[in-house]
C-alpha cells in the first residue's frame, strides 16, 4: 500500500514519494507567540502531529520542523500594552504553547527555530535576493519584486493580476509596485530591532519561514504544511522567495487544514465566541479535543460547540469502555476458550482498513470510524459465551497500536481521590491564613480544572464534583 495525499499546489491527490527513501523533511508553520492559542491555532499542531505519527508508523524517519514567530507587530503591540519587552512576552507564550499542545498529545518538533535566533540567516537570505534582482531597498525597508517571479500565484491558482493583497502586506509610497511585499522593516522609534545592511529593523513575516526551512531542511523539502489561511499570501510568498533564491522547487507537497467555526459562525473576538485552548482543557480532557479534531477530515471545516464536544466524549467513552472491558476479561477470567482464528483474522482486518483509509490523504475521520467498528466488534465478542486469550490480547494490542498513531490516550484523565481533594483544600485554607492568596487561587483553579467546585461557607469550605 502507498500513501496518497492531496497537494494544494496541484489540486489533486498524488502518490507520496519523498526526496530520500525512508526519510521525510516536513515543515509546519508555527504560532505567533503573543497570546494563548485559540482552538483554530490548535488544529494544525494536532493534524500535522498525526500526519507525522502516521508517517513514522509507516516506517519513515521524519525531520519535523515548526517555528515560533517571536517578534512581530502583534508582539510589539502586546509589549506596549503590558509594559513588558517583546522577549519576555514571547518566552511566556512559547511555554504556554508547549503546555497546551503537549496536553493535546502533540510530540515535540525535531527543531523549534525562533525568528530572533535566526536573524543572521534571514539577513543573508535577503542580501542574496537583492543581489539576484528580486528585492530592493527603499528608505530602510526591503521589498520583494513580486512580478519578477514569473510563477507567482501557482499555489493559490490565480493570475497575479487577480490576487488581492494579504492582511500583512502593507501598501506605501516606498514600494515600486503595490504587489511587492516587505522582507525587512525599518525600526520605528522605541521598537525592538536588529542591525542590518539597510539600517536597524526586523524581518517581514514571510521571509522567516523561507530562511528557517532552508537552514534546517535544505533547499527542497518534502512536505510544507499549515492552516488554510496561510496558503495566500504567506505560503505563496515563501515559494516566491525560496525558489527565486535557489532555482529549485521549495516544497514538493503542500498540505493545508480547514477552518474552525464556533456554532456555525466564524470565530471572532467581536462576536464573543473566541475560544482559547487554555480554557477548554481546564474543563475537558485535552485528549477529547484532539479526538474531536480528528473526527473530521483535516481539509474540511469543523464546527465546534459544547454539544458536539459532548457527543464526541460519549463516543470516545464507548471505545475506552470496550478497551477496559477487554482488559478486565483478560485479567479476571479463568475459563479462556481455545484460540479463535476467525476472530484473530477479523482483528487484523481492522488494522488493514485503518492503514487503507489513512493512506488515502490521512483520512482520520474514516480511521475513527474503523476504531468505532472495532469497539463494536469487541463488545460483541465479549458478549459471547467463550473468549480466547489470544483474541483478547489481539484486540487490546490493536487498540493500543492504532490509538498511538492518532495520538489519543485510551485512558481518561484520572479523577482526584477524595483524600487528595481534602488535602488540597486544607493547603488552600492554610494559604489564605498566611495571606498567600495567589497560592489559594492556584489551588482553586487546579481543582476547577479537575471539575471540583469549591464553595466557601460560614461552616467551612465544601466541595462537589462538577
Protein backbone atom coordinates (compact mmCIF):
# COMPACT_ATOMS: atom_id res chain seq x y z
CA UNK A 1 0.00 0.00 0.00
CA UNK A 2 1.15 3.52 -0.82
CA UNK A 3 0.34 6.85 0.81
CA UNK A 4 -1.50 9.35 -1.38
CA UNK A 5 -2.01 12.94 -0.28
CA UNK A 6 -3.87 15.97 -1.59
CA UNK A 7 -1.36 18.55 -2.82
CA UNK A 8 -2.68 22.12 -2.67
CA UNK A 9 -0.13 23.03 -5.36
CA UNK A 10 -1.61 20.66 -7.96
CA UNK A 11 -5.16 20.47 -6.58
CA UNK A 12 -5.14 16.68 -6.74
CA UNK A 13 -4.17 13.59 -4.81
CA UNK A 14 -0.67 12.37 -5.54
CA UNK A 15 1.41 9.37 -4.62
CA UNK A 16 3.80 10.36 -1.85
CA UNK A 17 7.41 9.88 -2.92
CA UNK A 18 9.92 11.52 -0.54
CA UNK A 19 13.18 13.00 -1.74
CA UNK A 20 15.17 10.40 0.16
CA UNK A 21 13.93 6.87 0.64
CA UNK A 22 12.71 6.26 4.18
CA UNK A 23 13.07 9.89 5.27
CA UNK A 24 10.68 12.85 5.28
CA UNK A 25 11.51 16.55 5.56
CA UNK A 26 8.44 18.31 6.96
CA UNK A 27 7.94 21.98 7.84
CA UNK A 28 4.84 23.23 9.66
CA UNK A 29 4.24 26.95 10.19
CA UNK A 30 4.06 27.63 13.92
CA UNK A 31 2.33 30.31 16.01
CA UNK A 32 2.99 33.99 16.59
CA UNK A 33 3.51 33.88 20.34
CA UNK A 34 1.74 36.96 21.70
CA UNK A 35 -1.14 35.20 23.49
CA UNK A 36 -2.53 31.78 24.37
CA UNK A 37 -3.50 29.75 21.30
CA UNK A 38 -7.17 29.58 20.35
CA UNK A 39 -8.96 26.50 19.11
CA UNK A 40 -8.22 27.39 15.48
CA UNK A 41 -4.48 27.59 16.24
CA UNK A 42 -4.68 24.11 17.78
CA UNK A 43 -5.87 22.35 14.64
CA UNK A 44 -2.56 22.46 12.67
CA UNK A 45 -0.45 21.05 15.55
CA UNK A 46 -2.95 18.23 16.09
CA UNK A 47 -3.46 17.45 12.39
CA UNK A 48 0.17 17.53 11.36
CA UNK A 49 1.37 15.77 14.50
CA UNK A 50 -0.97 12.97 13.44
CA UNK A 51 0.43 13.06 9.89
CA UNK A 52 3.92 12.82 11.38
CA UNK A 53 2.90 9.94 13.66
CA UNK A 54 1.37 8.07 10.74
CA UNK A 55 4.44 8.57 8.54
CA UNK A 56 6.58 7.22 11.39
CA UNK A 57 4.15 4.32 11.83
CA UNK A 58 4.63 3.51 8.15
CA UNK A 59 8.38 3.38 8.68
CA UNK A 60 9.59 6.86 7.76
CA UNK A 61 12.10 8.89 9.75
CA UNK A 62 10.52 12.35 9.97
CA UNK A 63 12.52 15.53 10.45
CA UNK A 64 9.69 17.76 11.74
CA UNK A 65 10.42 21.48 11.95
CA UNK A 66 7.92 24.00 13.32
CA UNK A 67 8.86 27.62 14.01
CA UNK A 68 7.94 30.27 16.54
CA UNK A 69 7.39 33.83 15.32
CA UNK A 70 8.72 35.61 18.41
CA UNK A 71 8.95 39.14 17.00
CA UNK A 72 6.06 40.67 15.10
CA UNK A 73 3.68 43.65 15.06
CA UNK A 74 1.29 41.80 17.39
CA UNK A 75 4.07 41.07 19.87
CA UNK A 76 5.22 44.69 19.81
CA UNK A 77 1.64 45.86 20.41
CA UNK A 78 1.22 43.42 23.31
CA UNK A 79 4.54 44.57 24.80
CA UNK A 80 3.44 48.20 24.67
CA UNK A 81 0.06 47.43 26.21
CA UNK A 82 1.51 45.33 29.04
CA UNK A 83 4.59 47.44 29.69
CA UNK A 84 6.91 44.47 29.09
CA UNK A 85 9.55 43.74 26.50
CA UNK A 86 8.97 41.51 23.48
CA UNK A 87 11.32 38.65 24.55
CA UNK A 88 9.56 38.34 27.92
CA UNK A 89 6.13 38.05 26.33
CA UNK A 90 7.38 35.65 23.67
CA UNK A 91 9.00 33.37 26.22
CA UNK A 92 5.85 33.28 28.35
CA UNK A 93 3.62 32.25 25.48
CA UNK A 94 6.12 29.80 24.00
CA UNK A 95 5.98 28.00 27.35
CA UNK A 96 2.18 28.23 27.33
CA UNK A 97 2.09 26.83 23.78
CA UNK A 98 4.24 23.86 24.76
CA UNK A 99 1.98 23.18 27.75
CA UNK A 100 -1.20 23.34 25.67
CA UNK A 101 -0.09 21.23 22.70
CA UNK A 102 1.62 18.72 24.96
CA UNK A 103 -1.69 18.26 26.77
CA UNK A 104 -3.26 17.73 23.33
CA UNK A 105 -0.89 14.83 22.72
CA UNK A 106 1.43 16.58 20.26
CA UNK A 107 5.05 15.44 20.16
CA UNK A 108 7.87 17.96 20.32
CA UNK A 109 9.17 19.06 16.93
CA UNK A 110 12.60 17.85 15.92
CA UNK A 111 13.53 21.55 15.90
CA UNK A 112 11.56 24.61 17.06
CA UNK A 113 13.50 27.52 15.50
CA UNK A 114 12.78 31.07 16.58
CA UNK A 115 12.94 34.17 14.42
CA UNK A 116 15.02 36.06 16.98
CA UNK A 117 17.63 33.29 16.91
CA UNK A 118 17.69 33.19 13.09
CA UNK A 119 18.47 36.80 12.25
CA UNK A 120 21.81 36.10 10.52
CA UNK A 121 20.37 33.61 8.06
CA UNK A 122 17.37 35.87 7.37
CA UNK A 123 19.63 38.84 6.56
CA UNK A 124 21.85 36.67 4.35
CA UNK A 125 18.76 35.40 2.51
CA UNK A 126 17.55 38.95 1.85
CA UNK A 127 21.01 40.08 0.69
CA UNK A 128 21.09 37.23 -1.83
CA UNK A 129 17.65 38.18 -3.18
CA UNK A 130 18.80 41.78 -3.66
CA UNK A 131 21.91 40.56 -5.46
CA UNK A 132 19.77 38.46 -7.81
CA UNK A 133 17.49 41.42 -8.58
CA UNK A 134 14.43 40.00 -6.80
CA UNK A 135 14.47 42.56 -3.99
CA UNK A 136 15.29 46.23 -3.41
CA UNK A 137 15.92 48.59 -0.51
CA UNK A 138 13.75 51.65 -0.08
CA UNK A 139 14.01 54.03 2.88
CA UNK A 140 15.35 51.38 5.25
CA UNK A 141 12.77 48.79 4.18
CA UNK A 142 13.46 45.95 1.77
CA UNK A 143 10.78 44.71 -0.63
CA UNK A 144 10.40 41.65 -2.86
CA UNK A 145 9.72 42.33 -6.56
CA UNK A 146 6.71 40.09 -6.87
CA UNK A 147 6.31 40.38 -10.65
CA UNK A 148 9.91 39.25 -11.15
CA UNK A 149 8.91 35.75 -10.06
CA UNK A 150 7.04 34.54 -13.13
CA UNK A 151 5.27 31.67 -11.36
CA UNK A 152 3.78 33.84 -8.63
CA UNK A 153 0.24 32.65 -7.89
CA UNK A 154 0.84 28.98 -8.66
CA UNK A 155 -0.14 27.83 -5.16
CA UNK A 156 -3.32 29.91 -5.00
CA UNK A 157 -4.02 29.20 -8.70
CA UNK A 158 -4.68 32.79 -9.60
CA UNK A 159 -3.02 35.06 -12.15
CA UNK A 160 -1.02 37.79 -10.48
CA UNK A 161 -3.41 40.49 -11.71
CA UNK A 162 -6.31 38.91 -9.81
CA UNK A 163 -4.55 38.44 -6.48
CA UNK A 164 -5.68 40.56 -3.57
CA UNK A 165 -3.15 41.89 -1.11
CA UNK A 166 -2.98 39.88 2.11
CA UNK A 167 -3.63 41.36 5.51
CA UNK A 168 0.05 41.50 6.38
CA UNK A 169 1.14 43.19 3.13
CA UNK A 170 1.36 46.94 3.62
CA UNK A 171 0.95 49.35 0.73
CA UNK A 172 3.04 52.50 0.96
CA UNK A 173 4.96 55.10 -1.03
CA UNK A 174 8.22 53.16 -0.64
CA UNK A 175 7.08 50.35 -2.93
CA UNK A 176 7.80 50.18 -6.64
CA UNK A 177 4.68 48.07 -7.14
CA UNK A 178 1.59 47.56 -4.98
CA UNK A 179 2.07 43.76 -5.13
CA UNK A 180 5.59 43.91 -3.69
CA UNK A 181 5.84 42.63 -0.15
CA UNK A 182 8.18 43.51 2.68
CA UNK A 183 11.24 41.44 3.56
CA UNK A 184 12.77 43.83 6.10
CA UNK A 185 11.05 46.59 8.09
CA UNK A 186 12.91 49.67 9.27
CA UNK A 187 12.51 50.06 13.03
CA UNK A 188 10.14 52.71 14.33
CA UNK A 189 11.10 54.70 17.39
CA UNK A 190 11.03 52.58 20.56
CA UNK A 191 10.66 49.27 18.69
CA UNK A 192 12.86 46.23 19.13
CA UNK A 193 15.39 46.00 16.30
CA UNK A 194 18.43 44.26 14.84
CA UNK A 195 21.27 45.79 12.86
CA UNK A 196 21.34 45.13 9.13
CA UNK A 197 22.94 46.46 5.93
CA UNK A 198 19.79 48.57 5.45
CA UNK A 199 19.72 50.01 8.96
CA UNK A 200 18.08 48.93 12.20
CA UNK A 201 14.94 46.88 11.76
CA UNK A 202 13.37 43.41 11.81
CA UNK A 203 12.20 40.84 9.28
CA UNK A 204 8.91 40.79 7.46
CA UNK A 205 6.68 37.84 8.24
CA UNK A 206 7.11 35.76 5.09
CA UNK A 207 10.92 35.65 4.91
CA UNK A 208 11.21 33.94 8.30
CA UNK A 209 9.91 30.54 7.25
CA UNK A 210 11.83 30.50 3.98
CA UNK A 211 15.11 31.09 5.81
CA UNK A 212 14.44 28.67 8.67
CA UNK A 213 13.10 25.89 6.44
CA UNK A 214 16.21 26.15 4.27
CA UNK A 215 18.56 26.09 7.25
CA UNK A 216 17.08 23.01 8.89
CA UNK A 217 15.73 21.06 5.90
CA UNK A 218 17.64 22.23 2.82
CA UNK A 219 16.68 23.90 -0.47
CA UNK A 220 13.85 21.44 -1.20
CA UNK A 221 11.59 19.81 1.37
CA UNK A 222 9.03 17.05 1.11
CA UNK A 223 6.00 18.48 2.92
CA UNK A 224 5.15 22.05 3.86
CA UNK A 225 2.01 22.38 5.94
CA UNK A 226 -0.17 24.87 7.78
CA UNK A 227 -3.64 26.30 8.11
CA UNK A 228 -5.72 27.11 5.03
CA UNK A 229 -5.46 30.81 5.86
CA UNK A 230 -1.69 30.64 5.22
CA UNK A 231 -1.99 29.45 1.62
CA UNK A 232 -2.11 33.08 0.43
CA UNK A 233 -0.19 35.24 0.87
CA UNK A 234 2.21 33.56 3.31
CA UNK A 235 2.96 30.30 1.53
CA UNK A 236 2.72 31.89 -1.90
CA UNK A 237 5.38 34.38 -0.83
CA UNK A 238 7.55 31.67 0.68
CA UNK A 239 7.59 29.90 -2.69
CA UNK A 240 8.49 33.12 -4.49
CA UNK A 241 11.36 33.92 -2.11
CA UNK A 242 12.81 30.43 -1.84
CA UNK A 243 12.59 29.42 -5.49
CA UNK A 244 13.94 32.78 -6.67
CA UNK A 245 16.96 32.28 -4.44
CA UNK A 246 17.75 28.62 -5.13
CA UNK A 247 16.22 27.98 -8.55
CA UNK A 248 14.81 24.75 -7.07
CA UNK A 249 11.34 23.56 -6.05
CA UNK A 250 10.77 24.74 -2.47
CA UNK A 251 8.33 22.00 -1.37
CA UNK A 252 7.02 19.01 -3.30
CA UNK A 253 3.76 18.69 -1.34
CA UNK A 254 1.64 21.40 0.29
CA UNK A 255 -0.93 20.40 2.94
CA UNK A 256 -3.49 22.80 4.41
CA UNK A 257 -6.09 22.13 7.11
CA UNK A 258 -9.56 23.67 7.06
CA UNK A 259 -11.08 26.35 9.27
CA UNK A 260 -12.92 26.01 12.58
CA UNK A 261 -16.26 27.70 13.19
CA UNK A 262 -17.96 28.24 16.55
CA UNK A 263 -21.68 27.43 16.47
CA UNK A 264 -21.58 27.77 12.68
CA UNK A 265 -20.05 31.24 12.85
CA UNK A 266 -16.51 32.36 12.16
CA UNK A 267 -14.57 32.70 15.40
CA UNK A 268 -14.09 36.36 16.33
CA UNK A 269 -13.42 38.36 19.47
CA UNK A 270 -16.07 40.85 18.38
CA UNK A 271 -18.69 38.09 18.32
CA UNK A 272 -17.66 36.90 21.77
CA UNK A 273 -17.02 33.35 20.51
CA UNK A 274 -13.23 33.41 20.79
CA UNK A 275 -12.26 30.12 22.49
CA UNK A 276 -8.80 29.54 23.96
CA UNK A 277 -7.36 26.03 24.27
CA UNK A 278 -6.01 27.13 27.67
CA UNK A 279 -9.62 27.48 28.86
CA UNK A 280 -11.07 24.41 27.11
CA UNK A 281 -8.61 22.00 28.69
CA UNK A 282 -9.44 23.32 32.15
CA UNK A 283 -12.97 21.98 31.67
CA UNK A 284 -12.39 18.97 29.43
CA UNK A 285 -9.95 16.13 28.94
CA UNK A 286 -7.43 17.60 26.40
CA UNK A 287 -7.42 14.25 24.61
CA UNK A 288 -11.10 14.75 23.92
CA UNK A 289 -10.36 17.93 21.94
CA UNK A 290 -7.78 16.04 19.88
CA UNK A 291 -10.21 13.21 19.17
CA UNK A 292 -12.85 15.80 18.21
CA UNK A 293 -10.45 17.41 15.71
CA UNK A 294 -9.53 14.07 14.18
CA UNK A 295 -13.16 13.04 13.78
CA UNK A 296 -13.31 15.32 10.72
CA UNK A 297 -11.05 15.10 7.67
CA UNK A 298 -8.26 17.64 8.05
CA UNK A 299 -9.13 19.54 4.85
CA UNK A 300 -12.77 20.01 5.83
CA UNK A 301 -14.12 22.77 8.09
CA UNK A 302 -15.08 21.89 11.67
CA UNK A 303 -17.97 23.30 13.65
CA UNK A 304 -17.29 23.48 17.38
CA UNK A 305 -19.68 23.80 20.30
CA UNK A 306 -20.13 22.17 23.70
CA UNK A 307 -22.92 19.89 22.46
CA UNK A 308 -20.74 18.46 19.68
CA UNK A 309 -17.83 18.05 22.10
CA UNK A 310 -20.10 16.15 24.50
CA UNK A 311 -21.23 13.89 21.66
CA UNK A 312 -17.57 13.21 20.86
CA UNK A 313 -16.94 12.44 24.53
CA UNK A 314 -19.74 9.88 24.53
CA UNK A 315 -18.19 8.18 21.52
CA UNK A 316 -14.67 8.18 22.93
CA UNK A 317 -16.01 6.84 26.23
CA UNK A 318 -17.63 3.91 24.39
CA UNK A 319 -14.31 2.95 22.83
CA UNK A 320 -12.44 3.38 26.12
CA UNK A 321 -15.05 1.27 27.91
CA UNK A 322 -14.70 -1.51 25.34
CA UNK A 323 -10.93 -1.42 25.81
CA UNK A 324 -11.21 -1.55 29.60
CA UNK A 325 -13.70 -4.40 29.37
CA UNK A 326 -11.27 -6.38 27.24
CA UNK A 327 -8.52 -5.91 29.82
CA UNK A 328 -10.88 -6.78 32.66
CA UNK A 329 -11.97 -10.00 30.95
CA UNK A 330 -8.36 -10.96 30.28
CA UNK A 331 -7.36 -10.34 33.91
CA UNK A 332 -10.37 -11.89 35.57
CA UNK A 333 -11.43 -14.99 33.72
CA UNK A 334 -10.18 -18.49 34.46
CA UNK A 335 -12.10 -20.16 31.63
CA UNK A 336 -10.46 -18.98 28.42
CA UNK A 337 -11.56 -20.64 25.21
CA UNK A 338 -9.37 -22.13 22.52
CA UNK A 339 -7.80 -19.66 20.10
CA UNK A 340 -10.28 -18.45 17.51
CA UNK A 341 -8.60 -17.99 14.10
CA UNK A 342 -11.64 -16.28 12.60
CA UNK A 343 -11.64 -13.55 15.25
CA UNK A 344 -7.87 -13.09 15.05
CA UNK A 345 -8.23 -12.53 11.31
CA UNK A 346 -11.05 -10.05 11.91
CA UNK A 347 -8.91 -8.05 14.35
CA UNK A 348 -6.11 -7.93 11.76
CA UNK A 349 -8.59 -6.67 9.15
CA UNK A 350 -9.29 -3.60 11.27
CA UNK A 351 -5.60 -2.71 11.13
CA UNK A 352 -5.54 -3.17 7.36
CA UNK A 353 -8.62 -0.99 6.95
CA UNK A 354 -7.11 1.68 9.23
CA UNK A 355 -3.97 1.78 7.07
CA UNK A 356 -6.05 1.85 3.89
CA UNK A 357 -8.04 4.94 4.92
CA UNK A 358 -5.03 6.74 6.40
CA UNK A 359 -3.07 6.07 3.20
CA UNK A 360 -5.85 7.99 1.44
CA UNK A 361 -4.81 11.56 2.35
CA UNK A 362 -4.59 10.86 6.09
CA UNK A 363 -8.34 10.39 6.43
CA UNK A 364 -8.65 10.40 10.21
CA UNK A 365 -12.44 10.68 10.02
CA UNK A 366 -12.62 7.25 8.39
CA UNK A 367 -9.88 5.96 10.70
CA UNK A 368 -12.00 6.95 13.70
CA UNK A 369 -14.93 5.06 12.12
CA UNK A 370 -12.70 1.97 11.95
CA UNK A 371 -11.97 2.34 15.66
CA UNK A 372 -15.69 2.58 16.47
CA UNK A 373 -16.33 -0.55 14.39
CA UNK A 374 -13.55 -2.35 16.24
CA UNK A 375 -15.07 -1.38 19.59
CA UNK A 376 -18.47 -2.64 18.44
CA UNK A 377 -16.99 -5.98 17.40
CA UNK A 378 -15.01 -6.20 20.66
CA UNK A 379 -18.27 -5.79 22.59
CA UNK A 380 -19.94 -8.50 20.50
CA UNK A 381 -17.04 -10.80 21.20
CA UNK A 382 -17.18 -10.09 24.93
CA UNK A 383 -20.90 -10.88 24.95
CA UNK A 384 -20.18 -14.35 23.63
CA UNK A 385 -20.08 -17.38 25.91
CA UNK A 386 -16.39 -18.14 25.43
CA UNK A 387 -13.39 -15.91 24.93
CA UNK A 388 -9.90 -16.66 23.75
CA UNK A 389 -6.87 -15.25 25.50
CA UNK A 390 -5.16 -14.63 22.17
CA UNK A 391 -8.18 -12.82 20.74
CA UNK A 392 -8.50 -10.62 23.81
CA UNK A 393 -4.79 -9.80 23.64
CA UNK A 394 -5.07 -9.11 19.90
CA UNK A 395 -7.96 -6.65 20.42
CA UNK A 396 -6.10 -4.89 23.24
CA UNK A 397 -2.85 -4.65 21.27
CA UNK A 398 -4.68 -3.38 18.19
CA UNK A 399 -6.46 -0.65 20.14
CA UNK A 400 -3.19 0.46 21.72
CA UNK A 401 -1.30 0.42 18.43
CA UNK A 402 -3.86 2.37 16.42
CA UNK A 403 -4.61 4.87 19.18
CA UNK A 404 -0.91 5.61 19.48
CA UNK A 405 -0.94 6.51 15.78
CA UNK A 406 -3.69 9.11 16.23
CA UNK A 407 -2.07 10.27 19.48
CA UNK A 408 -5.11 9.76 21.70
CA UNK A 409 -4.91 8.07 25.09
CA UNK A 410 -7.17 5.10 25.78
CA UNK A 411 -7.30 6.14 29.44
CA UNK A 412 -9.28 9.17 30.53
CA UNK A 413 -7.68 11.72 32.85
CA UNK A 414 -7.59 10.29 36.35
CA UNK A 415 -10.04 11.82 38.79
CA UNK A 416 -8.71 13.09 42.07
CA UNK A 417 -9.45 10.86 45.02
CA UNK A 418 -11.47 12.31 47.88
CA UNK A 419 -8.45 12.37 50.22
CA UNK A 420 -6.39 14.25 47.61
CA UNK A 421 -9.14 16.85 47.34
CA UNK A 422 -9.36 17.26 51.10
CA UNK A 423 -5.58 17.68 51.28
CA UNK A 424 -5.61 20.42 48.62
CA UNK A 425 -8.49 22.19 50.35
CA UNK A 426 -6.51 22.20 53.61
CA UNK A 427 -3.50 23.61 51.75
CA UNK A 428 -5.76 26.34 50.38
CA UNK A 429 -7.11 27.15 53.85
CA UNK A 430 -3.54 27.40 55.17
CA UNK A 431 -2.53 29.61 52.24
CA UNK A 432 -5.42 32.00 52.92
CA UNK A 433 -4.50 32.16 56.62
CA UNK A 434 -0.97 33.10 55.56
CA UNK A 435 -2.42 35.67 53.16
CA UNK A 436 -0.87 33.79 50.24
CA UNK A 437 -3.86 34.48 48.06
CA UNK A 438 -2.01 33.68 44.84
CA UNK A 439 -1.40 30.10 46.03
CA UNK A 440 -5.01 29.84 47.25
CA UNK A 441 -6.25 30.87 43.81
CA UNK A 442 -3.87 28.39 42.17
CA UNK A 443 -5.35 25.54 44.20
CA UNK A 444 -8.90 26.62 43.41
CA UNK A 445 -8.03 26.71 39.68
CA UNK A 446 -6.29 23.33 39.91
CA UNK A 447 -9.37 21.77 41.46
CA UNK A 448 -11.68 23.52 39.00
CA UNK A 449 -9.63 22.05 36.13
CA UNK A 450 -10.43 18.63 37.61
CA UNK A 451 -14.15 19.52 37.75
CA UNK A 452 -14.05 20.06 41.53
CA UNK A 453 -16.18 23.03 42.54
CA UNK A 454 -15.41 24.74 45.87
CA UNK A 455 -17.99 26.60 47.96
CA UNK A 456 -16.74 28.79 50.84
CA UNK A 457 -19.45 28.86 53.54
CA UNK A 458 -19.71 30.04 57.14
CA UNK A 459 -19.27 26.42 58.17
CA UNK A 460 -16.12 26.00 56.09
CA UNK A 461 -15.21 25.01 52.53
CA UNK A 462 -17.35 22.43 50.83
CA UNK A 463 -16.67 20.74 47.52
CA UNK A 464 -18.56 18.85 44.85
CA UNK A 465 -17.77 17.31 41.51
CA UNK A 466 -18.82 19.49 38.59
